[in-house]
Amino acid sequence: MTAPIVHLWRLLKWGRTLARHGALQGIERDRNTPLPVRRLARIARFGARAPETPRYADALQAIGPAAIKLGQTLATRADLIGEAAAHDLMRLQDALPPVPFPVIRAAIEHSFDKPLEALFAEVEEVPIGAASIAQVHRATTIEGRRVAVKVLRPGIEAEFAKAIDTYEWAAAQVEGMGGEASRLRPRLVIETFKRWTARELDLRREAASASELSEAMEAEPDFTVPAIDWQRTTGKVLTLEWVDGIKLSDRAAILAAGHDTEKLANTLVRAFLRQAISEGFFHADMHQGNLFALPDGRIAAIDFGIMGRIDRRARVWLAEILYGLITGNYRRVAEIHFEAGYVPAHHNVAEFATALRAVGEPMRGLPVKDMSVGMMLDSLFNITRDFDMQTQPHLLLLQKTMVMVEGVATRLHPDINLWESAAPFVREWIRTELGPEAFIADRLVEDIQTLARLPKLIRNIERHFPDPGGAPPAPPLREIEVVRVGGGWRYIAVALIAAGLGVAATLLLT
């Protein structure tokens, strides 16, 4: 257990770095910031020369790898840190000086307990990418296949564990102060960050996520996921198929190669919707650097460390919310928020629908290039405050990914209309999943499952209320007690069995 004084020392040290980059200005000026936090921020910046424009991303890069990852998490929480800070954090490139190759070679050999030459015919010593958690090298297997080899930075697990320990402590102190800080649930933010990090620090989990996503996307032939080389993958080393394509960030090269940018943009939007709505399992880091245009016109994705998952009930709500916004049915969108429990029941549905209309109507029918996503998000966050909505981590991750996809699609094809691209897919999914055929199929499955449970229900009744006929004679009791204990249990058992048979008969008739 780390002592509070150690946490405070770390926070002050990190605070000094933030102050030098002007990153504490927003915390000090925000009226929703608890007073003790504002005081701590003033102490941290005492004597520091801060720039006029805060440089949040630069500050977190200066603190270290764990802070970079935390910054990527906070980039999804404009409601917590403000729109300007969230926008700046979106530019975190996760770039760090690479680990020397001899250290990487030793890490690979230790992970597999065999020499490098037994695994690869060649490994390029200069990495093609060096991030906060791992770095990637291009290689050729002894069978002659070109692959990408991702290797964890040595000692990164201990560094992250120390930082997360302090993040958790700080979040608990802030949330305990109540008010707006409590509604925003900072402890849940750190818990989400902790889960993401645990997944990224085990490369077998990332490999499994890639494999699962590949299977889920078989219905989208224009979106592909590299194959995993499981024989050359461990918790610290990930080997996967080499992707030979053009990053979607390089629009000039994509145009020069003759790609149809409108088709690529629509493929990306449809792939995201299939992941989020149809499958409930989506790539949550779909920025331009992780997406490639292949020579045959398909899109390939890499880096599966951050994945999102939402259950079917939430997906139904999401699809209805999207379709309601697309069609302007704000009343239904508001009702779904109340049904899902996102908005407390003491608020008025009609008032919430009006607030949604104020956000949605200015955006409908406009191409993405004419929309102000920042203004829309700011309006949505104001609604969450006005209607006491608690944060939903899975929806925040989904929202962040949607903003990313929108941004990439817009840069590929500025005239794309995200709503028009999404409407056919969402409409078809709602018809398939929520139409009369789906209702009948779901009811049949539910009824069959109920019937299958009926014998077990009867056996449980018999076990808890056995027939007293074969039991040894009970000691003599007063007459009234015999009626209450003996007859009562029997009547209860008979009533339950009769009720169970009645349910069965009703289901069969239905």
Protein backbone atom coordinates (compact mmCIF):
# COMPACT_ATOMS: atom_id res chain seq x y z
CA MET A 1 0.00 0.00 0.00
CA THR A 2 1.54 3.27 -1.17
CA ALA A 3 1.55 6.05 1.44
CA PRO A 4 -0.56 9.17 0.68
CA ILE A 5 2.55 11.38 0.94
CA VAL A 6 4.09 9.42 -1.97
CA HIS A 7 0.98 9.98 -4.08
CA LEU A 8 1.02 13.69 -3.25
CA TRP A 9 4.70 13.98 -4.16
CA ARG A 10 4.10 12.30 -7.53
CA LEU A 11 1.10 14.53 -8.21
CA LEU A 12 3.05 17.69 -7.39
CA LYS A 13 5.95 16.57 -9.59
CA TRP A 14 3.60 15.85 -12.48
CA GLY A 15 1.77 19.09 -11.70
CA ARG A 16 4.96 21.08 -12.18
CA THR A 17 5.37 19.57 -15.64
CA LEU A 18 1.74 20.33 -16.50
CA ALA A 19 2.15 23.89 -15.21
CA ARG A 20 5.20 24.54 -17.40
CA HIS A 21 3.04 23.65 -20.42
CA GLY A 22 0.08 25.73 -19.25
CA ALA A 23 -2.04 22.62 -18.75
CA LEU A 24 -3.38 23.63 -15.31
CA GLN A 25 -5.13 26.81 -16.46
CA GLY A 26 -8.41 25.07 -17.25
CA ILE A 27 -8.50 23.31 -13.87
CA GLU A 28 -7.98 26.57 -12.00
CA ARG A 29 -10.59 28.52 -13.96
CA ASP A 30 -13.34 25.91 -14.11
CA ARG A 31 -15.96 26.72 -11.47
CA ASN A 32 -16.84 23.02 -11.24
CA THR A 33 -13.33 22.12 -10.04
CA PRO A 34 -13.35 21.40 -6.29
CA LEU A 35 -11.61 24.10 -4.25
CA PRO A 36 -8.89 21.77 -2.82
CA VAL A 37 -7.94 20.73 -6.37
CA ARG A 38 -7.69 24.35 -7.49
CA ARG A 39 -5.42 25.08 -4.53
CA LEU A 40 -3.19 22.13 -5.37
CA ALA A 41 -2.97 23.36 -8.99
CA ARG A 42 -1.89 26.83 -7.80
CA ILE A 43 0.82 25.31 -5.61
CA ALA A 44 2.07 23.17 -8.51
CA ARG A 45 2.39 26.13 -10.90
CA PHE A 46 3.96 28.50 -8.37
CA GLY A 47 6.93 30.18 -10.08
CA ALA A 48 6.42 28.35 -13.39
CA ARG A 49 6.35 30.29 -16.68
CA ALA A 50 3.37 28.99 -18.62
CA PRO A 51 2.59 29.61 -22.32
CA GLU A 52 -0.58 31.50 -23.24
CA THR A 53 -2.03 28.51 -25.14
CA PRO A 54 -1.99 25.28 -23.09
CA ARG A 55 -0.10 22.37 -24.62
CA TYR A 56 -1.77 19.38 -22.96
CA ALA A 57 -0.44 16.68 -25.26
CA ASP A 58 3.15 17.96 -24.95
CA ALA A 59 2.84 17.98 -21.16
CA LEU A 60 1.70 14.36 -20.97
CA GLN A 61 4.40 13.26 -23.40
CA ALA A 62 6.96 14.91 -21.11
CA ILE A 63 5.62 13.05 -18.05
CA GLY A 64 5.94 9.60 -19.63
CA PRO A 65 4.24 6.59 -21.24
CA ALA A 66 1.51 6.08 -18.62
CA ALA A 67 0.52 9.76 -18.87
CA ILE A 68 0.32 9.47 -22.67
CA LYS A 69 -2.12 6.59 -22.35
CA LEU A 70 -4.11 8.47 -19.73
CA GLY A 71 -4.25 11.41 -22.13
CA GLN A 72 -5.73 9.18 -24.81
CA THR A 73 -8.42 8.13 -22.33
CA LEU A 74 -9.13 11.72 -21.30
CA ALA A 75 -9.46 12.70 -24.97
CA THR A 76 -12.83 10.91 -24.83
CA ARG A 77 -13.97 12.98 -21.85
CA ALA A 78 -14.55 16.52 -23.08
CA ASP A 79 -17.24 16.74 -20.39
CA LEU A 80 -14.53 16.21 -17.78
CA ILE A 81 -11.64 18.29 -19.12
CA GLY A 82 -13.26 20.67 -21.61
CA GLU A 83 -13.53 20.66 -25.39
CA ALA A 84 -10.24 22.51 -26.03
CA ALA A 85 -8.19 20.10 -23.90
CA ALA A 86 -9.90 17.05 -25.42
CA HIS A 87 -9.19 18.31 -28.94
CA ASP A 88 -5.52 18.91 -28.12
CA LEU A 89 -5.13 15.46 -26.56
CA MET A 90 -6.49 13.84 -29.73
CA ARG A 91 -3.16 14.69 -31.38
CA LEU A 92 -1.15 12.47 -29.06
CA GLN A 93 0.92 10.43 -31.45
CA ASP A 94 2.28 8.10 -28.81
CA ALA A 95 5.79 8.66 -30.26
CA LEU A 96 8.80 8.00 -28.06
CA PRO A 97 12.50 7.31 -28.69
CA PRO A 98 12.88 3.62 -29.61
CA VAL A 99 14.48 1.04 -27.34
CA PRO A 100 17.89 -0.10 -28.70
CA PHE A 101 17.61 -3.24 -30.81
CA PRO A 102 19.92 -5.40 -28.61
CA VAL A 103 17.43 -4.88 -25.76
CA ILE A 104 14.53 -5.79 -28.05
CA ARG A 105 16.39 -8.86 -29.32
CA ALA A 106 17.00 -10.03 -25.76
CA ALA A 107 13.31 -9.47 -24.90
CA ILE A 108 12.16 -11.60 -27.87
CA GLU A 109 14.60 -14.42 -27.10
CA HIS A 110 13.65 -14.41 -23.42
CA SER A 111 9.95 -14.49 -24.27
CA PHE A 112 10.28 -17.56 -26.54
CA ASP A 113 13.28 -19.12 -24.76
CA LYS A 114 15.03 -19.66 -28.09
CA PRO A 115 17.42 -17.69 -30.32
CA LEU A 116 16.00 -15.06 -32.68
CA GLU A 117 17.29 -17.01 -35.71
CA ALA A 118 15.00 -19.92 -34.82
CA LEU A 119 11.97 -17.66 -35.31
CA PHE A 120 12.86 -15.14 -37.99
CA ALA A 121 15.11 -15.16 -41.03
CA GLU A 122 15.48 -11.39 -40.69
CA VAL A 123 14.37 -8.62 -38.33
CA GLU A 124 14.95 -5.00 -39.30
CA GLU A 125 16.79 -3.27 -36.44
CA VAL A 126 15.23 0.15 -37.03
CA PRO A 127 11.60 0.07 -35.82
CA ILE A 128 8.81 1.29 -38.06
CA GLY A 129 7.06 2.70 -35.00
CA ALA A 130 7.89 3.33 -31.33
CA ALA A 131 4.97 3.97 -28.97
CA SER A 132 4.52 4.33 -25.23
CA ILE A 133 3.94 0.64 -24.58
CA ALA A 134 5.65 -1.19 -27.45
CA GLN A 135 7.55 -0.78 -30.68
CA VAL A 136 7.15 -2.54 -34.02
CA HIS A 137 9.77 -4.06 -36.30
CA ARG A 138 9.37 -5.44 -39.81
CA ALA A 139 10.58 -9.04 -40.15
CA THR A 140 10.62 -12.14 -42.32
CA THR A 141 9.80 -15.54 -40.87
CA ILE A 142 11.97 -18.60 -41.54
CA GLU A 143 9.17 -19.73 -43.90
CA GLY A 144 9.58 -16.53 -45.91
CA ARG A 145 6.44 -14.61 -44.85
CA ARG A 146 6.66 -10.86 -44.20
CA VAL A 147 5.33 -9.96 -40.77
CA ALA A 148 5.19 -7.15 -38.24
CA VAL A 149 6.65 -7.91 -34.79
CA LYS A 150 5.36 -5.87 -31.86
CA VAL A 151 7.47 -6.03 -28.67
CA LEU A 152 6.63 -4.58 -25.25
CA ARG A 153 9.10 -2.10 -23.81
CA PRO A 154 11.04 -3.85 -21.02
CA GLY A 155 9.89 -2.76 -17.54
CA ILE A 156 6.77 -1.03 -18.82
CA GLU A 157 4.42 -3.06 -16.58
CA ALA A 158 6.03 -1.80 -13.36
CA GLU A 159 6.02 1.80 -14.59
CA PHE A 160 2.31 1.65 -15.44
CA ALA A 161 1.39 -0.06 -12.15
CA LYS A 162 3.05 2.73 -10.16
CA ALA A 163 1.33 5.49 -12.11
CA ILE A 164 -2.13 3.87 -12.07
CA ASP A 165 -1.86 3.42 -8.30
CA THR A 166 -1.54 7.19 -7.92
CA TYR A 167 -4.26 7.90 -10.50
CA GLU A 168 -6.68 5.71 -8.54
CA TRP A 169 -5.82 7.44 -5.27
CA ALA A 170 -6.25 10.91 -6.77
CA ALA A 171 -9.56 10.02 -8.44
CA ALA A 172 -10.93 8.69 -5.15
CA GLN A 173 -10.02 11.95 -3.37
CA VAL A 174 -11.64 14.10 -6.07
CA GLU A 175 -14.82 12.02 -6.28
CA GLY A 176 -15.15 12.12 -2.50
CA MET A 177 -15.46 15.90 -2.69
CA GLY A 178 -18.94 15.51 -4.23
CA GLY A 179 -20.69 17.92 -6.58
CA GLU A 180 -19.93 17.91 -10.29
CA ALA A 181 -16.79 15.82 -9.70
CA SER A 182 -18.92 13.03 -8.24
CA ARG A 183 -21.34 13.05 -11.19
CA LEU A 184 -18.48 12.72 -13.67
CA ARG A 185 -17.25 9.60 -11.83
CA PRO A 186 -13.45 10.02 -12.14
CA ARG A 187 -12.85 6.70 -10.36
CA LEU A 188 -14.73 4.95 -13.15
CA VAL A 189 -12.63 6.81 -15.72
CA ILE A 190 -9.43 5.49 -14.12
CA GLU A 191 -10.90 2.01 -13.80
CA THR A 192 -11.68 2.04 -17.52
CA PHE A 193 -8.16 3.25 -18.24
CA LYS A 194 -6.77 0.47 -16.04
CA ARG A 195 -8.70 -2.18 -17.97
CA TRP A 196 -7.53 -0.80 -21.30
CA THR A 197 -3.94 -0.80 -20.10
CA ALA A 198 -4.14 -4.35 -18.75
CA ARG A 199 -5.32 -5.48 -22.18
CA GLU A 200 -2.56 -3.61 -23.98
CA LEU A 201 0.15 -4.95 -21.67
CA ASP A 202 -0.78 -8.53 -22.59
CA LEU A 203 -0.20 -8.89 -26.32
CA ARG A 204 -2.01 -12.24 -26.38
CA ARG A 205 -5.18 -10.32 -25.48
CA GLU A 206 -4.55 -7.96 -28.38
CA ALA A 207 -4.02 -10.93 -30.68
CA ALA A 208 -7.27 -12.49 -29.48
CA SER A 209 -9.12 -9.20 -30.08
CA ALA A 210 -7.78 -9.05 -33.64
CA SER A 211 -8.83 -12.64 -34.27
CA GLU A 212 -12.33 -12.04 -32.88
CA LEU A 213 -12.77 -8.86 -34.91
CA SER A 214 -11.63 -10.66 -38.06
CA GLU A 215 -14.36 -13.27 -37.61
CA ALA A 216 -16.97 -10.61 -36.85
CA MET A 217 -16.12 -8.67 -40.02
CA GLU A 218 -16.49 -11.56 -42.48
CA ALA A 219 -19.72 -9.91 -43.67
CA GLU A 220 -17.71 -6.81 -44.69
CA PRO A 221 -15.28 -8.05 -47.38
CA ASP A 222 -13.93 -4.53 -47.97
CA PHE A 223 -12.61 -4.30 -44.39
CA THR A 224 -9.86 -6.68 -43.33
CA VAL A 225 -7.82 -7.55 -40.24
CA PRO A 226 -4.25 -8.97 -40.50
CA ALA A 227 -3.87 -12.65 -39.62
CA ILE A 228 -2.14 -13.49 -36.31
CA ASP A 229 0.94 -15.73 -36.22
CA TRP A 230 0.06 -17.53 -32.99
CA GLN A 231 3.26 -19.60 -32.99
CA ARG A 232 5.29 -16.39 -32.73
CA THR A 233 3.03 -14.59 -30.24
CA THR A 234 3.36 -14.43 -26.45
CA GLY A 235 2.30 -12.01 -23.73
CA LYS A 236 5.22 -9.72 -24.64
CA VAL A 237 5.59 -10.32 -28.39
CA LEU A 238 2.90 -10.11 -31.07
CA THR A 239 3.53 -11.26 -34.65
CA LEU A 240 0.98 -10.58 -37.35
CA GLU A 241 0.66 -10.40 -41.11
CA TRP A 242 2.41 -7.44 -42.74
CA VAL A 243 0.01 -4.82 -44.17
CA ASP A 244 1.29 -3.36 -47.43
CA GLY A 245 -0.89 -0.33 -48.01
CA ILE A 246 -1.17 3.46 -47.79
CA LYS A 247 -2.10 5.09 -44.49
CA LEU A 248 -5.43 6.87 -44.73
CA SER A 249 -3.69 9.96 -43.36
CA ASP A 250 -1.82 10.30 -46.70
CA ARG A 251 -4.69 11.48 -48.91
CA ALA A 252 -2.36 12.66 -51.66
CA ALA A 253 -0.80 9.19 -52.01
CA ILE A 254 -4.27 7.60 -51.95
CA LEU A 255 -5.42 9.84 -54.81
CA ALA A 256 -2.19 9.23 -56.72
CA ALA A 257 -2.78 5.47 -56.43
CA GLY A 258 -6.21 5.89 -58.04
CA HIS A 259 -8.34 4.97 -55.01
CA ASP A 260 -12.00 5.98 -54.86
CA THR A 261 -12.04 8.14 -51.72
CA GLU A 262 -15.85 8.21 -51.51
CA LYS A 263 -15.94 4.40 -51.54
CA LEU A 264 -13.21 4.21 -48.90
CA ALA A 265 -15.07 6.67 -46.66
CA ASN A 266 -18.35 4.77 -46.95
CA THR A 267 -16.56 1.45 -46.33
CA LEU A 268 -15.09 2.87 -43.13
CA VAL A 269 -18.45 4.17 -41.86
CA ARG A 270 -20.22 0.90 -42.66
CA ALA A 271 -17.44 -1.18 -41.05
CA PHE A 272 -17.69 0.86 -37.86
CA LEU A 273 -21.48 0.52 -37.74
CA ARG A 274 -21.28 -3.24 -38.24
CA GLN A 275 -18.76 -3.51 -35.42
CA ALA A 276 -20.65 -1.28 -33.00
CA ILE A 277 -24.28 -2.15 -33.75
CA SER A 278 -24.33 -5.62 -35.34
CA GLU A 279 -21.48 -7.24 -33.42
CA GLY A 280 -21.18 -5.15 -30.25
CA PHE A 281 -17.37 -5.41 -30.48
CA PHE A 282 -15.50 -2.54 -32.10
CA HIS A 283 -12.00 -1.24 -32.76
CA ALA A 284 -11.84 1.78 -30.46
CA ASP A 285 -8.67 3.36 -31.86
CA MET A 286 -9.58 3.88 -35.53
CA HIS A 287 -7.42 6.92 -36.20
CA GLN A 288 -5.73 7.50 -39.56
CA GLY A 289 -2.44 5.94 -38.51
CA ASN A 290 -4.13 2.60 -37.78
CA LEU A 291 -6.00 2.36 -41.10
CA PHE A 292 -4.53 1.50 -44.52
CA ALA A 293 -5.86 1.54 -48.08
CA LEU A 294 -4.78 -1.71 -49.76
CA PRO A 295 -4.01 -1.92 -53.50
CA ASP A 296 -7.29 -3.77 -54.17
CA GLY A 297 -9.40 -1.00 -52.57
CA ARG A 298 -10.00 -2.66 -49.20
CA ILE A 299 -9.28 -1.05 -45.83
CA ALA A 300 -7.02 -2.83 -43.32
CA ALA A 301 -6.87 -2.01 -39.60
CA ILE A 302 -4.04 -2.55 -37.12
CA ASP A 303 -3.39 -1.99 -33.38
CA PHE A 304 -6.13 -3.77 -31.43
CA GLY A 305 -5.05 -2.81 -27.93
CA ILE A 306 -8.16 -0.70 -27.25
CA MET A 307 -11.42 -2.48 -28.08
CA GLY A 308 -14.97 -1.63 -27.05
CA ARG A 309 -17.82 -4.00 -26.23
CA ILE A 310 -21.53 -3.28 -25.72
CA ASP A 311 -24.31 -5.79 -25.02
CA ARG A 312 -27.33 -6.36 -27.27
CA ARG A 313 -29.72 -4.26 -25.18
CA ALA A 314 -27.38 -1.26 -25.39
CA ARG A 315 -26.94 -1.86 -29.13
CA VAL A 316 -30.70 -1.79 -29.65
CA TRP A 317 -30.86 1.49 -27.75
CA LEU A 318 -27.92 2.84 -29.74
CA ALA A 319 -29.49 1.90 -33.08
CA GLU A 320 -32.80 3.50 -32.11
CA ILE A 321 -31.05 6.63 -30.86
CA LEU A 322 -29.05 6.97 -34.11
CA TYR A 323 -32.10 6.33 -36.25
CA GLY A 324 -34.15 8.76 -34.19
CA LEU A 325 -31.54 11.47 -34.67
CA ILE A 326 -31.31 10.69 -38.39
CA THR A 327 -35.09 10.88 -38.86
CA GLY A 328 -35.70 13.64 -36.34
CA ASN A 329 -37.76 11.48 -33.96
CA TYR A 330 -36.44 13.20 -30.84
CA ARG A 331 -39.33 12.02 -28.66
CA ARG A 332 -38.33 8.38 -29.22
CA VAL A 333 -34.67 9.19 -28.59
CA ALA A 334 -35.63 10.82 -25.29
CA GLU A 335 -37.81 7.83 -24.29
CA ILE A 336 -34.91 5.45 -24.92
CA HIS A 337 -32.67 7.48 -22.61
CA PHE A 338 -35.26 7.14 -19.86
CA GLU A 339 -35.85 3.41 -20.55
CA ALA A 340 -32.12 2.77 -20.43
CA GLY A 341 -31.77 4.64 -17.16
CA TYR A 342 -29.35 7.18 -18.64
CA VAL A 343 -31.60 10.03 -17.46
CA PRO A 344 -33.06 9.90 -13.91
CA ALA A 345 -36.81 9.26 -13.84
CA HIS A 346 -37.64 12.54 -12.03
CA HIS A 347 -36.90 14.51 -15.22
CA ASN A 348 -39.47 15.22 -17.93
CA VAL A 349 -39.31 13.22 -21.19
CA ALA A 350 -40.76 16.04 -23.28
CA GLU A 351 -38.24 18.54 -21.93
CA PHE A 352 -35.38 16.17 -22.72
CA ALA A 353 -36.74 15.65 -26.25
CA THR A 354 -36.80 19.42 -26.77
CA ALA A 355 -33.18 19.69 -25.57
CA LEU A 356 -32.16 16.95 -28.03
CA ARG A 357 -33.98 18.73 -30.85
CA ALA A 358 -31.98 21.89 -30.13
CA VAL A 359 -28.79 19.88 -30.70
CA GLY A 360 -29.89 17.67 -33.57
CA GLU A 361 -31.86 19.92 -35.88
CA PRO A 362 -28.99 22.29 -36.82
CA MET A 363 -26.94 19.25 -37.91
CA ARG A 364 -29.48 17.31 -39.96
CA GLY A 365 -28.99 17.32 -43.71
CA LEU A 366 -25.58 18.96 -43.58
CA PRO A 367 -22.44 17.35 -44.99
CA VAL A 368 -19.88 16.58 -42.32
CA LYS A 369 -17.58 19.32 -43.59
CA ASP A 370 -20.24 21.90 -42.66
CA MET A 371 -20.86 20.51 -39.17
CA SER A 372 -19.19 21.74 -36.00
CA VAL A 373 -18.57 18.54 -34.09
CA GLY A 374 -17.07 20.50 -31.21
CA MET A 375 -20.17 22.67 -30.91
CA MET A 376 -22.43 19.60 -31.06
CA LEU A 377 -20.46 17.80 -28.35
CA ASP A 378 -20.44 20.90 -26.18
CA SER A 379 -24.24 21.10 -26.49
CA LEU A 380 -24.61 17.41 -25.65
CA PHE A 381 -22.41 17.75 -22.57
CA ASN A 382 -24.50 20.69 -21.40
CA ILE A 383 -27.55 18.44 -21.67
CA THR A 384 -25.88 15.77 -19.53
CA ARG A 385 -25.35 18.36 -16.81
CA ASP A 386 -28.86 19.78 -17.04
CA PHE A 387 -30.47 16.35 -16.79
CA ASP A 388 -28.13 14.78 -14.19
CA MET A 389 -26.91 12.07 -16.57
CA GLN A 390 -24.13 9.94 -15.13
CA THR A 391 -21.33 8.96 -17.47
CA GLN A 392 -21.52 5.62 -19.31
CA PRO A 393 -17.95 4.43 -20.09
CA HIS A 394 -18.92 2.10 -22.96
CA LEU A 395 -20.90 4.89 -24.64
CA LEU A 396 -18.07 7.40 -24.14
CA LEU A 397 -15.64 5.02 -25.84
CA LEU A 398 -18.13 4.50 -28.65
CA GLN A 399 -18.64 8.25 -28.99
CA LYS A 400 -14.90 8.86 -29.15
CA THR A 401 -14.55 6.21 -31.86
CA MET A 402 -17.45 7.67 -33.81
CA VAL A 403 -15.78 11.08 -33.78
CA MET A 404 -12.55 9.47 -35.01
CA VAL A 405 -14.32 7.63 -37.83
CA GLU A 406 -16.15 10.79 -38.80
CA GLY A 407 -12.88 12.72 -38.93
CA VAL A 408 -11.09 10.11 -41.05
CA ALA A 409 -14.06 9.78 -43.43
CA THR A 410 -14.28 13.56 -43.82
CA ARG A 411 -10.60 13.90 -44.70
CA LEU A 412 -10.96 11.16 -47.29
CA HIS A 413 -14.11 12.61 -48.84
CA PRO A 414 -15.09 16.07 -47.52
CA ASP A 415 -18.62 15.92 -48.98
CA ILE A 416 -19.63 12.70 -47.24
CA ASN A 417 -22.78 12.93 -45.11
CA LEU A 418 -22.31 10.63 -42.15
CA TRP A 419 -26.05 10.45 -41.40
CA GLU A 420 -26.96 9.50 -44.99
CA SER A 421 -24.21 6.86 -45.04
CA ALA A 422 -25.41 5.39 -41.75
CA ALA A 423 -29.18 5.48 -42.34
CA PRO A 424 -29.53 2.42 -44.67
CA PHE A 425 -27.44 0.21 -42.41
CA VAL A 426 -29.18 1.29 -39.20
CA ARG A 427 -32.64 1.02 -40.82
CA GLU A 428 -31.97 -2.53 -42.04
CA TRP A 429 -30.52 -3.62 -38.70
CA ILE A 430 -33.54 -2.26 -36.81
CA ARG A 431 -35.91 -4.07 -39.22
CA THR A 432 -33.97 -7.32 -38.83
CA GLU A 433 -33.49 -7.13 -35.07
CA LEU A 434 -36.65 -5.32 -33.94
CA GLY A 435 -39.19 -6.14 -36.67
CA PRO A 436 -42.10 -8.62 -36.29
CA GLU A 437 -40.05 -11.58 -37.53
CA ALA A 438 -37.36 -10.89 -34.95
CA PHE A 439 -40.01 -10.48 -32.23
CA ILE A 440 -41.59 -13.85 -33.03
CA ALA A 441 -38.18 -15.56 -33.19
CA ASP A 442 -37.11 -14.05 -29.86
CA ARG A 443 -40.42 -15.08 -28.26
CA LEU A 444 -40.10 -18.66 -29.50
CA VAL A 445 -36.56 -18.93 -28.16
CA GLU A 446 -37.62 -17.47 -24.81
CA ASP A 447 -40.64 -19.82 -24.55
CA ILE A 448 -38.59 -22.90 -25.43
CA GLN A 449 -35.98 -21.95 -22.85
CA THR A 450 -38.74 -21.55 -20.24
CA LEU A 451 -40.18 -24.98 -21.09
CA ALA A 452 -36.71 -26.51 -20.87
CA ARG A 453 -36.34 -25.10 -17.35
CA LEU A 454 -39.70 -26.47 -16.15
CA PRO A 455 -38.52 -30.02 -15.16
CA LYS A 456 -35.68 -28.53 -13.14
CA LEU A 457 -38.14 -26.15 -11.45
CA ILE A 458 -40.35 -29.11 -10.40
CA ARG A 459 -37.33 -31.08 -9.12
CA ASN A 460 -36.24 -28.06 -7.07
CA ILE A 461 -39.73 -27.83 -5.57
CA GLU A 462 -39.68 -31.52 -4.68
CA ARG A 463 -36.22 -31.21 -3.15
CA HIS A 464 -37.18 -28.27 -0.97
CA PHE A 465 -40.66 -29.60 -0.11
CA PRO A 466 -40.36 -33.42 0.03
CA ASP A 467 -43.41 -35.68 0.33
CA PRO A 468 -43.78 -36.39 4.07
CA GLY A 469 -45.49 -39.76 3.33
CA GLY A 470 -42.29 -41.80 3.43
CA ALA A 471 -40.68 -39.88 6.28
CA PRO A 472 -40.57 -41.24 9.86
CA PRO A 473 -43.50 -40.17 12.01
CA ALA A 474 -43.11 -36.71 13.44
CA PRO A 475 -43.33 -36.15 17.19
CA PRO A 476 -46.83 -35.27 18.41
CA LEU A 477 -47.62 -31.58 18.03
CA ARG A 478 -50.54 -29.40 18.92
CA GLU A 479 -53.34 -29.65 16.38
CA ILE A 480 -52.95 -26.07 15.08
CA GLU A 481 -49.22 -26.59 14.53
CA VAL A 482 -49.83 -29.77 12.55
CA VAL A 483 -52.10 -27.86 10.18
CA ARG A 484 -49.67 -24.95 9.73
CA VAL A 485 -46.51 -27.01 9.24
CA GLY A 486 -47.68 -30.23 7.62
CA GLY A 487 -50.65 -29.11 5.56
CA GLY A 488 -49.22 -25.68 4.74
CA TRP A 489 -46.05 -26.96 3.09
CA ARG A 490 -48.04 -29.48 1.10
CA TYR A 491 -50.45 -26.84 -0.13
CA ILE A 492 -47.56 -24.58 -1.14
CA ALA A 493 -45.89 -27.37 -3.10
CA VAL A 494 -49.12 -28.32 -4.86
CA ALA A 495 -49.81 -24.66 -5.69
CA LEU A 496 -46.32 -24.14 -7.13
CA ILE A 497 -46.50 -27.30 -9.23
CA ALA A 498 -49.95 -26.29 -10.48
CA ALA A 499 -48.64 -22.82 -11.32
CA GLY A 500 -45.70 -24.32 -13.21
CA LEU A 501 -47.99 -26.60 -15.23
CA GLY A 502 -50.26 -23.65 -15.90
CA VAL A 503 -47.30 -21.62 -17.26
CA ALA A 504 -46.33 -24.56 -19.46
CA ALA A 505 -49.87 -24.93 -20.81
CA THR A 506 -50.07 -21.20 -21.54
CA LEU A 507 -46.74 -21.21 -23.39
CA LEU A 508 -47.78 -24.24 -25.46
CA LEU A 509 -51.05 -22.53 -26.41
CA THR A 510 -49.15 -19.37 -27.28
